mmCIF file of all heavy atoms, coordinates in Angstrom:
data_MODEL
# 
_entry.id   MODEL 
# 
loop_
_atom_site.group_PDB 
_atom_site.id 
_atom_site.type_symbol 
_atom_site.label_atom_id 
_atom_site.label_alt_id 
_atom_site.label_comp_id 
_atom_site.label_asym_id 
_atom_site.label_entity_id 
_atom_site.label_seq_id 
_atom_site.pdbx_PDB_ins_code 
_atom_site.Cartn_x 
_atom_site.Cartn_y 
_atom_site.Cartn_z 
_atom_site.occupancy 
_atom_site.B_iso_or_equiv 
_atom_site.pdbx_formal_charge 
_atom_site.auth_seq_id 
_atom_site.auth_comp_id 
_atom_site.auth_asym_id 
_atom_site.auth_atom_id 
_atom_site.pdbx_PDB_model_num 
ATOM 1   N N   . GLN A 1 1  ? 82.387 118.681 72.576 1.00 0.00 ? 1  GLN A N   1 
ATOM 2   C CA  . GLN A 1 1  ? 80.947 118.449 72.726 1.00 0.00 ? 1  GLN A CA  1 
ATOM 3   C C   . GLN A 1 1  ? 80.143 118.970 71.527 1.00 0.00 ? 1  GLN A C   1 
ATOM 4   O O   . GLN A 1 1  ? 78.927 118.765 71.456 1.00 0.00 ? 1  GLN A O   1 
ATOM 5   C CB  . GLN A 1 1  ? 80.447 119.102 74.014 1.00 0.00 ? 1  GLN A CB  1 
ATOM 6   C CG  . GLN A 1 1  ? 81.039 118.465 75.271 1.00 0.00 ? 1  GLN A CG  1 
ATOM 7   C CD  . GLN A 1 1  ? 80.561 119.127 76.549 1.00 0.00 ? 1  GLN A CD  1 
ATOM 8   O OE1 . GLN A 1 1  ? 79.371 119.048 76.891 1.00 0.00 ? 1  GLN A OE1 1 
ATOM 9   N NE2 . GLN A 1 1  ? 81.477 119.784 77.259 1.00 0.00 ? 1  GLN A NE2 1 
ATOM 10  N N   . LEU A 1 2  ? 80.826 119.614 70.582 1.00 0.00 ? 2  LEU A N   1 
ATOM 11  C CA  . LEU A 1 2  ? 80.147 120.066 69.364 1.00 0.00 ? 2  LEU A CA  1 
ATOM 12  C C   . LEU A 1 2  ? 80.167 118.990 68.278 1.00 0.00 ? 2  LEU A C   1 
ATOM 13  O O   . LEU A 1 2  ? 79.481 119.113 67.260 1.00 0.00 ? 2  LEU A O   1 
ATOM 14  C CB  . LEU A 1 2  ? 80.800 121.345 68.835 1.00 0.00 ? 2  LEU A CB  1 
ATOM 15  C CG  . LEU A 1 2  ? 80.688 122.582 69.739 1.00 0.00 ? 2  LEU A CG  1 
ATOM 16  C CD1 . LEU A 1 2  ? 81.428 123.754 69.117 1.00 0.00 ? 2  LEU A CD1 1 
ATOM 17  C CD2 . LEU A 1 2  ? 79.223 122.946 69.972 1.00 0.00 ? 2  LEU A CD2 1 
ATOM 18  N N   . ILE A 1 3  ? 80.955 117.958 68.475 1.00 0.00 ? 3  ILE A N   1 
ATOM 19  C CA  . ILE A 1 3  ? 80.993 116.870 67.490 1.00 0.00 ? 3  ILE A CA  1 
ATOM 20  C C   . ILE A 1 3  ? 79.610 116.205 67.432 1.00 0.00 ? 3  ILE A C   1 
ATOM 21  O O   . ILE A 1 3  ? 79.040 115.838 68.454 1.00 0.00 ? 3  ILE A O   1 
ATOM 22  C CB  . ILE A 1 3  ? 82.066 115.833 67.859 1.00 0.00 ? 3  ILE A CB  1 
ATOM 23  C CG1 . ILE A 1 3  ? 83.461 116.460 67.715 1.00 0.00 ? 3  ILE A CG1 1 
ATOM 24  C CG2 . ILE A 1 3  ? 81.956 114.593 66.971 1.00 0.00 ? 3  ILE A CG2 1 
ATOM 25  C CD1 . ILE A 1 3  ? 84.591 115.545 68.148 1.00 0.00 ? 3  ILE A CD1 1 
ATOM 26  N N   . GLY A 1 4  ? 79.081 116.095 66.227 1.00 0.00 ? 4  GLY A N   1 
ATOM 27  C CA  . GLY A 1 4  ? 77.787 115.452 66.029 1.00 0.00 ? 4  GLY A CA  1 
ATOM 28  C C   . GLY A 1 4  ? 76.611 116.406 65.943 1.00 0.00 ? 4  GLY A C   1 
ATOM 29  O O   . GLY A 1 4  ? 75.500 115.990 65.583 1.00 0.00 ? 4  GLY A O   1 
ATOM 30  N N   . VAL A 1 5  ? 76.808 117.690 66.253 1.00 0.00 ? 5  VAL A N   1 
ATOM 31  C CA  . VAL A 1 5  ? 75.679 118.626 66.160 1.00 0.00 ? 5  VAL A CA  1 
ATOM 32  C C   . VAL A 1 5  ? 75.424 118.952 64.698 1.00 0.00 ? 5  VAL A C   1 
ATOM 33  O O   . VAL A 1 5  ? 76.306 118.833 63.843 1.00 0.00 ? 5  VAL A O   1 
ATOM 34  C CB  . VAL A 1 5  ? 75.944 119.923 66.960 1.00 0.00 ? 5  VAL A CB  1 
ATOM 35  C CG1 . VAL A 1 5  ? 76.190 119.617 68.425 1.00 0.00 ? 5  VAL A CG1 1 
ATOM 36  C CG2 . VAL A 1 5  ? 77.116 120.718 66.363 1.00 0.00 ? 5  VAL A CG2 1 
ATOM 37  N N   . LYS A 1 6  ? 74.189 119.403 64.406 1.00 0.00 ? 6  LYS A N   1 
ATOM 38  C CA  . LYS A 1 6  ? 73.843 119.824 63.051 1.00 0.00 ? 6  LYS A CA  1 
ATOM 39  C C   . LYS A 1 6  ? 73.058 121.131 63.139 1.00 0.00 ? 6  LYS A C   1 
ATOM 40  O O   . LYS A 1 6  ? 72.710 121.598 64.240 1.00 0.00 ? 6  LYS A O   1 
ATOM 41  C CB  . LYS A 1 6  ? 73.041 118.740 62.341 1.00 0.00 ? 6  LYS A CB  1 
ATOM 42  C CG  . LYS A 1 6  ? 71.762 118.307 63.035 1.00 0.00 ? 6  LYS A CG  1 
ATOM 43  C CD  . LYS A 1 6  ? 71.128 117.141 62.277 1.00 0.00 ? 6  LYS A CD  1 
ATOM 44  C CE  . LYS A 1 6  ? 69.787 116.746 62.891 1.00 0.00 ? 6  LYS A CE  1 
ATOM 45  N NZ  . LYS A 1 6  ? 69.900 116.310 64.294 1.00 0.00 ? 6  LYS A NZ  1 
ATOM 46  N N   . ALA A 1 7  ? 72.787 121.732 62.003 1.00 0.00 ? 7  ALA A N   1 
ATOM 47  C CA  . ALA A 1 7  ? 72.102 123.023 61.968 1.00 0.00 ? 7  ALA A CA  1 
ATOM 48  C C   . ALA A 1 7  ? 70.796 122.968 62.760 1.00 0.00 ? 7  ALA A C   1 
ATOM 49  O O   . ALA A 1 7  ? 70.052 121.978 62.705 1.00 0.00 ? 7  ALA A O   1 
ATOM 50  C CB  . ALA A 1 7  ? 71.829 123.434 60.524 1.00 0.00 ? 7  ALA A CB  1 
ATOM 51  N N   . ASN A 1 8  ? 70.551 124.050 63.539 1.00 0.00 ? 8  ASN A N   1 
ATOM 52  C CA  . ASN A 1 8  ? 69.334 124.240 64.343 1.00 0.00 ? 8  ASN A CA  1 
ATOM 53  C C   . ASN A 1 8  ? 69.273 123.393 65.606 1.00 0.00 ? 8  ASN A C   1 
ATOM 54  O O   . ASN A 1 8  ? 68.282 123.457 66.343 1.00 0.00 ? 8  ASN A O   1 
ATOM 55  C CB  . ASN A 1 8  ? 68.066 123.996 63.508 1.00 0.00 ? 8  ASN A CB  1 
ATOM 56  C CG  . ASN A 1 8  ? 67.978 124.930 62.301 1.00 0.00 ? 8  ASN A CG  1 
ATOM 57  O OD1 . ASN A 1 8  ? 68.320 126.107 62.421 1.00 0.00 ? 8  ASN A OD1 1 
ATOM 58  N ND2 . ASN A 1 8  ? 67.553 124.404 61.166 1.00 0.00 ? 8  ASN A ND2 1 
ATOM 59  N N   . ASP A 1 9  ? 70.329 122.627 65.888 1.00 0.00 ? 9  ASP A N   1 
ATOM 60  C CA  . ASP A 1 9  ? 70.344 121.868 67.138 1.00 0.00 ? 9  ASP A CA  1 
ATOM 61  C C   . ASP A 1 9  ? 70.471 122.805 68.332 1.00 0.00 ? 9  ASP A C   1 
ATOM 62  O O   . ASP A 1 9  ? 71.111 123.865 68.247 1.00 0.00 ? 9  ASP A O   1 
ATOM 63  C CB  . ASP A 1 9  ? 71.532 120.888 67.156 1.00 0.00 ? 9  ASP A CB  1 
ATOM 64  C CG  . ASP A 1 9  ? 71.218 119.587 66.443 1.00 0.00 ? 9  ASP A CG  1 
ATOM 65  O OD1 . ASP A 1 9  ? 70.082 119.442 65.976 1.00 0.00 ? 9  ASP A OD1 1 
ATOM 66  O OD2 . ASP A 1 9  ? 72.125 118.732 66.346 1.00 0.00 ? 9  ASP A OD2 1 
ATOM 67  N N   . GLU A 1 10 ? 69.893 122.409 69.446 1.00 0.00 ? 10 GLU A N   1 
ATOM 68  C CA  . GLU A 1 10 ? 70.071 123.104 70.718 1.00 0.00 ? 10 GLU A CA  1 
ATOM 69  C C   . GLU A 1 10 ? 70.698 122.113 71.691 1.00 0.00 ? 10 GLU A C   1 
ATOM 70  O O   . GLU A 1 10 ? 70.308 120.947 71.744 1.00 0.00 ? 10 GLU A O   1 
ATOM 71  C CB  . GLU A 1 10 ? 68.738 123.615 71.263 1.00 0.00 ? 10 GLU A CB  1 
ATOM 72  C CG  . GLU A 1 10 ? 68.089 124.669 70.357 1.00 0.00 ? 10 GLU A CG  1 
ATOM 73  C CD  . GLU A 1 10 ? 66.793 125.215 70.950 1.00 0.00 ? 10 GLU A CD  1 
ATOM 74  O OE1 . GLU A 1 10 ? 66.534 124.951 72.154 1.00 0.00 ? 10 GLU A OE1 1 
ATOM 75  O OE2 . GLU A 1 10 ? 66.052 125.901 70.219 1.00 0.00 ? 10 GLU A OE2 1 
ATOM 76  N N   . LYS A 1 11 ? 71.672 122.585 72.458 1.00 0.00 ? 11 LYS A N   1 
ATOM 77  C CA  . LYS A 1 11 ? 72.393 121.664 73.319 1.00 0.00 ? 11 LYS A CA  1 
ATOM 78  C C   . LYS A 1 11 ? 72.961 122.415 74.516 1.00 0.00 ? 11 LYS A C   1 
ATOM 79  O O   . LYS A 1 11 ? 73.258 123.610 74.442 1.00 0.00 ? 11 LYS A O   1 
ATOM 80  C CB  . LYS A 1 11 ? 73.531 120.997 72.524 1.00 0.00 ? 11 LYS A CB  1 
ATOM 81  C CG  . LYS A 1 11 ? 74.250 119.884 73.267 1.00 0.00 ? 11 LYS A CG  1 
ATOM 82  C CD  . LYS A 1 11 ? 75.252 119.166 72.349 1.00 0.00 ? 11 LYS A CD  1 
ATOM 83  C CE  . LYS A 1 11 ? 75.919 118.015 73.080 1.00 0.00 ? 11 LYS A CE  1 
ATOM 84  N NZ  . LYS A 1 11 ? 76.860 117.276 72.209 1.00 0.00 ? 11 LYS A NZ  1 
ATOM 85  N N   . VAL A 1 12 ? 73.109 121.710 75.615 1.00 0.00 ? 12 VAL A N   1 
ATOM 86  C CA  . VAL A 1 12 ? 73.750 122.270 76.803 1.00 0.00 ? 12 VAL A CA  1 
ATOM 87  C C   . VAL A 1 12 ? 75.111 121.599 76.959 1.00 0.00 ? 12 VAL A C   1 
ATOM 88  O O   . VAL A 1 12 ? 75.203 120.374 77.040 1.00 0.00 ? 12 VAL A O   1 
ATOM 89  C CB  . VAL A 1 12 ? 72.902 122.035 78.070 1.00 0.00 ? 12 VAL A CB  1 
ATOM 90  C CG1 . VAL A 1 12 ? 73.642 122.582 79.296 1.00 0.00 ? 12 VAL A CG1 1 
ATOM 91  C CG2 . VAL A 1 12 ? 71.540 122.687 77.928 1.00 0.00 ? 12 VAL A CG2 1 
ATOM 92  N N   . LEU A 1 13 ? 76.163 122.429 76.986 1.00 0.00 ? 13 LEU A N   1 
ATOM 93  C CA  . LEU A 1 13 ? 77.519 121.913 77.143 1.00 0.00 ? 13 LEU A CA  1 
ATOM 94  C C   . LEU A 1 13 ? 77.955 122.075 78.596 1.00 0.00 ? 13 LEU A C   1 
ATOM 95  O O   . LEU A 1 13 ? 77.723 123.124 79.206 1.00 0.00 ? 13 LEU A O   1 
ATOM 96  C CB  . LEU A 1 13 ? 78.501 122.667 76.234 1.00 0.00 ? 13 LEU A CB  1 
ATOM 97  C CG  . LEU A 1 13 ? 78.119 122.813 74.755 1.00 0.00 ? 13 LEU A CG  1 
ATOM 98  C CD1 . LEU A 1 13 ? 79.256 123.491 73.996 1.00 0.00 ? 13 LEU A CD1 1 
ATOM 99  C CD2 . LEU A 1 13 ? 77.799 121.461 74.138 1.00 0.00 ? 13 LEU A CD2 1 
ATOM 100 N N   . ASN A 1 14 ? 78.586 121.073 79.131 1.00 0.00 ? 14 ASN A N   1 
ATOM 101 C CA  . ASN A 1 14 ? 79.089 121.112 80.507 1.00 0.00 ? 14 ASN A CA  1 
ATOM 102 C C   . ASN A 1 14 ? 80.616 121.204 80.462 1.00 0.00 ? 14 ASN A C   1 
ATOM 103 O O   . ASN A 1 14 ? 81.283 120.341 79.864 1.00 0.00 ? 14 ASN A O   1 
ATOM 104 C CB  . ASN A 1 14 ? 78.667 119.866 81.276 1.00 0.00 ? 14 ASN A CB  1 
ATOM 105 C CG  . ASN A 1 14 ? 77.161 119.799 81.468 1.00 0.00 ? 14 ASN A CG  1 
ATOM 106 O OD1 . ASN A 1 14 ? 76.595 120.518 82.279 1.00 0.00 ? 14 ASN A OD1 1 
ATOM 107 N ND2 . ASN A 1 14 ? 76.510 118.925 80.697 1.00 0.00 ? 14 ASN A ND2 1 
ATOM 108 N N   . VAL A 1 15 ? 81.148 122.244 81.080 1.00 0.00 ? 15 VAL A N   1 
ATOM 109 C CA  . VAL A 1 15 ? 82.597 122.463 81.055 1.00 0.00 ? 15 VAL A CA  1 
ATOM 110 C C   . VAL A 1 15 ? 83.070 122.893 82.442 1.00 0.00 ? 15 VAL A C   1 
ATOM 111 O O   . VAL A 1 15 ? 82.270 123.281 83.300 1.00 0.00 ? 15 VAL A O   1 
ATOM 112 C CB  . VAL A 1 15 ? 82.995 123.542 80.030 1.00 0.00 ? 15 VAL A CB  1 
ATOM 113 C CG1 . VAL A 1 15 ? 82.629 123.125 78.617 1.00 0.00 ? 15 VAL A CG1 1 
ATOM 114 C CG2 . VAL A 1 15 ? 82.353 124.882 80.374 1.00 0.00 ? 15 VAL A CG2 1 
ATOM 115 N N   . THR A 1 16 ? 84.379 122.851 82.616 1.00 0.00 ? 16 THR A N   1 
ATOM 116 C CA  . THR A 1 16 ? 85.007 123.373 83.834 1.00 0.00 ? 16 THR A CA  1 
ATOM 117 C C   . THR A 1 16 ? 86.105 124.337 83.417 1.00 0.00 ? 16 THR A C   1 
ATOM 118 O O   . THR A 1 16 ? 87.000 123.979 82.638 1.00 0.00 ? 16 THR A O   1 
ATOM 119 C CB  . THR A 1 16 ? 85.623 122.232 84.675 1.00 0.00 ? 16 THR A CB  1 
ATOM 120 O OG1 . THR A 1 16 ? 84.598 121.326 85.051 1.00 0.00 ? 16 THR A OG1 1 
ATOM 121 C CG2 . THR A 1 16 ? 86.298 122.792 85.925 1.00 0.00 ? 16 THR A CG2 1 
ATOM 122 N N   . PHE A 1 17 ? 86.024 125.568 83.912 1.00 0.00 ? 17 PHE A N   1 
ATOM 123 C CA  . PHE A 1 17 ? 87.054 126.554 83.589 1.00 0.00 ? 17 PHE A CA  1 
ATOM 124 C C   . PHE A 1 17 ? 88.377 126.136 84.246 1.00 0.00 ? 17 PHE A C   1 
ATOM 125 O O   . PHE A 1 17 ? 88.384 125.650 85.388 1.00 0.00 ? 17 PHE A O   1 
ATOM 126 C CB  . PHE A 1 17 ? 86.642 127.937 84.087 1.00 0.00 ? 17 PHE A CB  1 
ATOM 127 C CG  . PHE A 1 17 ? 85.633 128.622 83.213 1.00 0.00 ? 17 PHE A CG  1 
ATOM 128 C CD1 . PHE A 1 17 ? 84.276 128.543 83.510 1.00 0.00 ? 17 PHE A CD1 1 
ATOM 129 C CD2 . PHE A 1 17 ? 86.027 129.338 82.098 1.00 0.00 ? 17 PHE A CD2 1 
ATOM 130 C CE1 . PHE A 1 17 ? 83.338 129.163 82.705 1.00 0.00 ? 17 PHE A CE1 1 
ATOM 131 C CE2 . PHE A 1 17 ? 85.099 129.965 81.284 1.00 0.00 ? 17 PHE A CE2 1 
ATOM 132 C CZ  . PHE A 1 17 ? 83.753 129.879 81.576 1.00 0.00 ? 17 PHE A CZ  1 
ATOM 133 N N   . PRO A 1 18 ? 89.498 126.309 83.546 1.00 0.00 ? 18 PRO A N   1 
ATOM 134 C CA  . PRO A 1 18 ? 90.804 125.960 84.126 1.00 0.00 ? 18 PRO A CA  1 
ATOM 135 C C   . PRO A 1 18 ? 91.063 126.743 85.409 1.00 0.00 ? 18 PRO A C   1 
ATOM 136 O O   . PRO A 1 18 ? 90.578 127.865 85.581 1.00 0.00 ? 18 PRO A O   1 
ATOM 137 C CB  . PRO A 1 18 ? 91.797 126.362 83.025 1.00 0.00 ? 18 PRO A CB  1 
ATOM 138 C CG  . PRO A 1 18 ? 90.997 126.336 81.762 1.00 0.00 ? 18 PRO A CG  1 
ATOM 139 C CD  . PRO A 1 18 ? 89.625 126.785 82.152 1.00 0.00 ? 18 PRO A CD  1 
ATOM 140 N N   . ALA A 1 19 ? 91.850 126.145 86.297 1.00 0.00 ? 19 ALA A N   1 
ATOM 141 C CA  . ALA A 1 19 ? 92.159 126.797 87.572 1.00 0.00 ? 19 ALA A CA  1 
ATOM 142 C C   . ALA A 1 19 ? 92.924 128.097 87.380 1.00 0.00 ? 19 ALA A C   1 
ATOM 143 O O   . ALA A 1 19 ? 92.835 129.006 88.203 1.00 0.00 ? 19 ALA A O   1 
ATOM 144 C CB  . ALA A 1 19 ? 92.959 125.840 88.455 1.00 0.00 ? 19 ALA A CB  1 
ATOM 145 N N   . ASP A 1 20 ? 93.681 128.195 86.272 1.00 0.00 ? 20 ASP A N   1 
ATOM 146 C CA  . ASP A 1 20 ? 94.454 129.419 86.029 1.00 0.00 ? 20 ASP A CA  1 
ATOM 147 C C   . ASP A 1 20 ? 93.764 130.337 85.023 1.00 0.00 ? 20 ASP A C   1 
ATOM 148 O O   . ASP A 1 20 ? 94.405 131.167 84.377 1.00 0.00 ? 20 ASP A O   1 
ATOM 149 C CB  . ASP A 1 20 ? 95.861 129.067 85.524 1.00 0.00 ? 20 ASP A CB  1 
ATOM 150 C CG  . ASP A 1 20 ? 95.829 128.261 84.219 1.00 0.00 ? 20 ASP A CG  1 
ATOM 151 O OD1 . ASP A 1 20 ? 94.728 127.829 83.806 1.00 0.00 ? 20 ASP A OD1 1 
ATOM 152 O OD2 . ASP A 1 20 ? 96.901 128.049 83.622 1.00 0.00 ? 20 ASP A OD2 1 
ATOM 153 N N   . TYR A 1 21 ? 92.449 130.200 84.885 1.00 0.00 ? 21 TYR A N   1 
ATOM 154 C CA  . TYR A 1 21 ? 91.709 131.031 83.933 1.00 0.00 ? 21 TYR A CA  1 
ATOM 155 C C   . TYR A 1 21 ? 91.881 132.501 84.296 1.00 0.00 ? 21 TYR A C   1 
ATOM 156 O O   . TYR A 1 21 ? 91.974 132.861 85.483 1.00 0.00 ? 21 TYR A O   1 
ATOM 157 C CB  . TYR A 1 21 ? 90.225 130.651 83.949 1.00 0.00 ? 21 TYR A CB  1 
ATOM 158 C CG  . TYR A 1 21 ? 89.435 131.232 82.800 1.00 0.00 ? 21 TYR A CG  1 
ATOM 159 C CD1 . TYR A 1 21 ? 89.708 130.859 81.497 1.00 0.00 ? 21 TYR A CD1 1 
ATOM 160 C CD2 . TYR A 1 21 ? 88.410 132.163 83.017 1.00 0.00 ? 21 TYR A CD2 1 
ATOM 161 C CE1 . TYR A 1 21 ? 88.998 131.376 80.438 1.00 0.00 ? 21 TYR A CE1 1 
ATOM 162 C CE2 . TYR A 1 21 ? 87.688 132.687 81.968 1.00 0.00 ? 21 TYR A CE2 1 
ATOM 163 C CZ  . TYR A 1 21 ? 87.986 132.297 80.671 1.00 0.00 ? 21 TYR A CZ  1 
ATOM 164 O OH  . TYR A 1 21 ? 87.288 132.812 79.627 1.00 0.00 ? 21 TYR A OH  1 
ATOM 165 N N   . ASN A 1 22 ? 91.931 133.358 83.268 1.00 0.00 ? 22 ASN A N   1 
ATOM 166 C CA  . ASN A 1 22 ? 92.269 134.756 83.523 1.00 0.00 ? 22 ASN A CA  1 
ATOM 167 C C   . ASN A 1 22 ? 91.173 135.562 84.215 1.00 0.00 ? 22 ASN A C   1 
ATOM 168 O O   . ASN A 1 22 ? 91.426 136.667 84.693 1.00 0.00 ? 22 ASN A O   1 
ATOM 169 C CB  . ASN A 1 22 ? 92.665 135.459 82.214 1.00 0.00 ? 22 ASN A CB  1 
ATOM 170 C CG  . ASN A 1 22 ? 91.583 135.385 81.159 1.00 0.00 ? 22 ASN A CG  1 
ATOM 171 O OD1 . ASN A 1 22 ? 90.559 134.738 81.381 1.00 0.00 ? 22 ASN A OD1 1 
ATOM 172 N ND2 . ASN A 1 22 ? 91.796 136.018 80.031 1.00 0.00 ? 22 ASN A ND2 1 
ATOM 173 N N   . ALA A 1 23 ? 89.956 135.045 84.285 1.00 0.00 ? 23 ALA A N   1 
ATOM 174 C CA  . ALA A 1 23 ? 88.895 135.721 85.035 1.00 0.00 ? 23 ALA A CA  1 
ATOM 175 C C   . ALA A 1 23 ? 88.744 135.003 86.375 1.00 0.00 ? 23 ALA A C   1 
ATOM 176 O O   . ALA A 1 23 ? 88.316 133.839 86.428 1.00 0.00 ? 23 ALA A O   1 
ATOM 177 C CB  . ALA A 1 23 ? 87.594 135.692 84.251 1.00 0.00 ? 23 ALA A CB  1 
ATOM 178 N N   . GLU A 1 24 ? 89.114 135.672 87.461 1.00 0.00 ? 24 GLU A N   1 
ATOM 179 C CA  . GLU A 1 24 ? 89.138 135.018 88.773 1.00 0.00 ? 24 GLU A CA  1 
ATOM 180 C C   . GLU A 1 24 ? 87.765 134.483 89.191 1.00 0.00 ? 24 GLU A C   1 
ATOM 181 O O   . GLU A 1 24 ? 87.666 133.469 89.873 1.00 0.00 ? 24 GLU A O   1 
ATOM 182 C CB  . GLU A 1 24 ? 89.649 136.001 89.824 1.00 0.00 ? 24 GLU A CB  1 
ATOM 183 C CG  . GLU A 1 24 ? 91.131 136.349 89.653 1.00 0.00 ? 24 GLU A CG  1 
ATOM 184 C CD  . GLU A 1 24 ? 91.624 137.253 90.757 1.00 0.00 ? 24 GLU A CD  1 
ATOM 185 O OE1 . GLU A 1 24 ? 90.853 137.491 91.709 1.00 0.00 ? 24 GLU A OE1 1 
ATOM 186 O OE2 . GLU A 1 24 ? 92.771 137.720 90.671 1.00 0.00 ? 24 GLU A OE2 1 
ATOM 187 N N   . ASN A 1 25 ? 86.692 135.180 88.771 1.00 0.00 ? 25 ASN A N   1 
ATOM 188 C CA  . ASN A 1 25 ? 85.357 134.743 89.188 1.00 0.00 ? 25 ASN A CA  1 
ATOM 189 C C   . ASN A 1 25 ? 84.915 133.458 88.490 1.00 0.00 ? 25 ASN A C   1 
ATOM 190 O O   . ASN A 1 25 ? 83.921 132.837 88.879 1.00 0.00 ? 25 ASN A O   1 
ATOM 191 C CB  . ASN A 1 25 ? 84.340 135.854 88.917 1.00 0.00 ? 25 ASN A CB  1 
ATOM 192 C CG  . ASN A 1 25 ? 84.219 136.168 87.430 1.00 0.00 ? 25 ASN A CG  1 
ATOM 193 O OD1 . ASN A 1 25 ? 85.227 136.314 86.736 1.00 0.00 ? 25 ASN A OD1 1 
ATOM 194 N ND2 . ASN A 1 25 ? 83.007 136.294 86.930 1.00 0.00 ? 25 ASN A ND2 1 
ATOM 195 N N   . LEU A 1 26 ? 85.681 133.051 87.458 1.00 0.00 ? 26 LEU A N   1 
ATOM 196 C CA  . LEU A 1 26 ? 85.329 131.824 86.730 1.00 0.00 ? 26 LEU A CA  1 
ATOM 197 C C   . LEU A 1 26 ? 86.365 130.714 86.911 1.00 0.00 ? 26 LEU A C   1 
ATOM 198 O O   . LEU A 1 26 ? 86.066 129.544 86.641 1.00 0.00 ? 26 LEU A O   1 
ATOM 199 C CB  . LEU A 1 26 ? 85.181 132.125 85.240 1.00 0.00 ? 26 LEU A CB  1 
ATOM 200 C CG  . LEU A 1 26 ? 84.072 133.115 84.852 1.00 0.00 ? 26 LEU A CG  1 
ATOM 201 C CD1 . LEU A 1 26 ? 84.126 133.410 83.358 1.00 0.00 ? 26 LEU A CD1 1 
ATOM 202 C CD2 . LEU A 1 26 ? 82.704 132.562 85.237 1.00 0.00 ? 26 LEU A CD2 1 
ATOM 203 N N   . ALA A 1 27 ? 87.582 131.068 87.337 1.00 0.00 ? 27 ALA A N   1 
ATOM 204 C CA  . ALA A 1 27 ? 88.666 130.094 87.443 1.00 0.00 ? 27 ALA A CA  1 
ATOM 205 C C   . ALA A 1 27 ? 88.258 128.894 88.297 1.00 0.00 ? 27 ALA A C   1 
ATOM 206 O O   . ALA A 1 27 ? 87.798 129.042 89.434 1.00 0.00 ? 27 ALA A O   1 
ATOM 207 C CB  . ALA A 1 27 ? 89.905 130.757 88.032 1.00 0.00 ? 27 ALA A CB  1 
ATOM 208 N N   . GLY A 1 28 ? 88.390 127.704 87.723 1.00 0.00 ? 28 GLY A N   1 
ATOM 209 C CA  . GLY A 1 28 ? 88.096 126.476 88.435 1.00 0.00 ? 28 GLY A CA  1 
ATOM 210 C C   . GLY A 1 28 ? 86.620 126.153 88.598 1.00 0.00 ? 28 GLY A C   1 
ATOM 211 O O   . GLY A 1 28 ? 86.275 125.116 89.185 1.00 0.00 ? 28 GLY A O   1 
ATOM 212 N N   . LYS A 1 29 ? 85.742 126.986 88.063 1.00 0.00 ? 29 LYS A N   1 
ATOM 213 C CA  . LYS A 1 29 ? 84.299 126.790 88.256 1.00 0.00 ? 29 LYS A CA  1 
ATOM 214 C C   . LYS A 1 29 ? 83.715 125.862 87.183 1.00 0.00 ? 29 LYS A C   1 
ATOM 215 O O   . LYS A 1 29 ? 84.121 125.874 86.020 1.00 0.00 ? 29 LYS A O   1 
ATOM 216 C CB  . LYS A 1 29 ? 83.571 128.136 88.178 1.00 0.00 ? 29 LYS A CB  1 
ATOM 217 C CG  . LYS A 1 29 ? 83.951 129.136 89.266 1.00 0.00 ? 29 LYS A CG  1 
ATOM 218 C CD  . LYS A 1 29 ? 83.334 128.755 90.592 1.00 0.00 ? 29 LYS A CD  1 
ATOM 219 C CE  . LYS A 1 29 ? 83.611 129.798 91.658 1.00 0.00 ? 29 LYS A CE  1 
ATOM 220 N NZ  . LYS A 1 29 ? 82.932 131.069 91.391 1.00 0.00 ? 29 LYS A NZ  1 
# 
């Protein structure tokens, strides 16, 4: 989602943490 950004751009990225993420409070979220 960083492809195409340029200096001083502001953007909101939408992601999903992997189910096996090492922080339980974020895993799968």
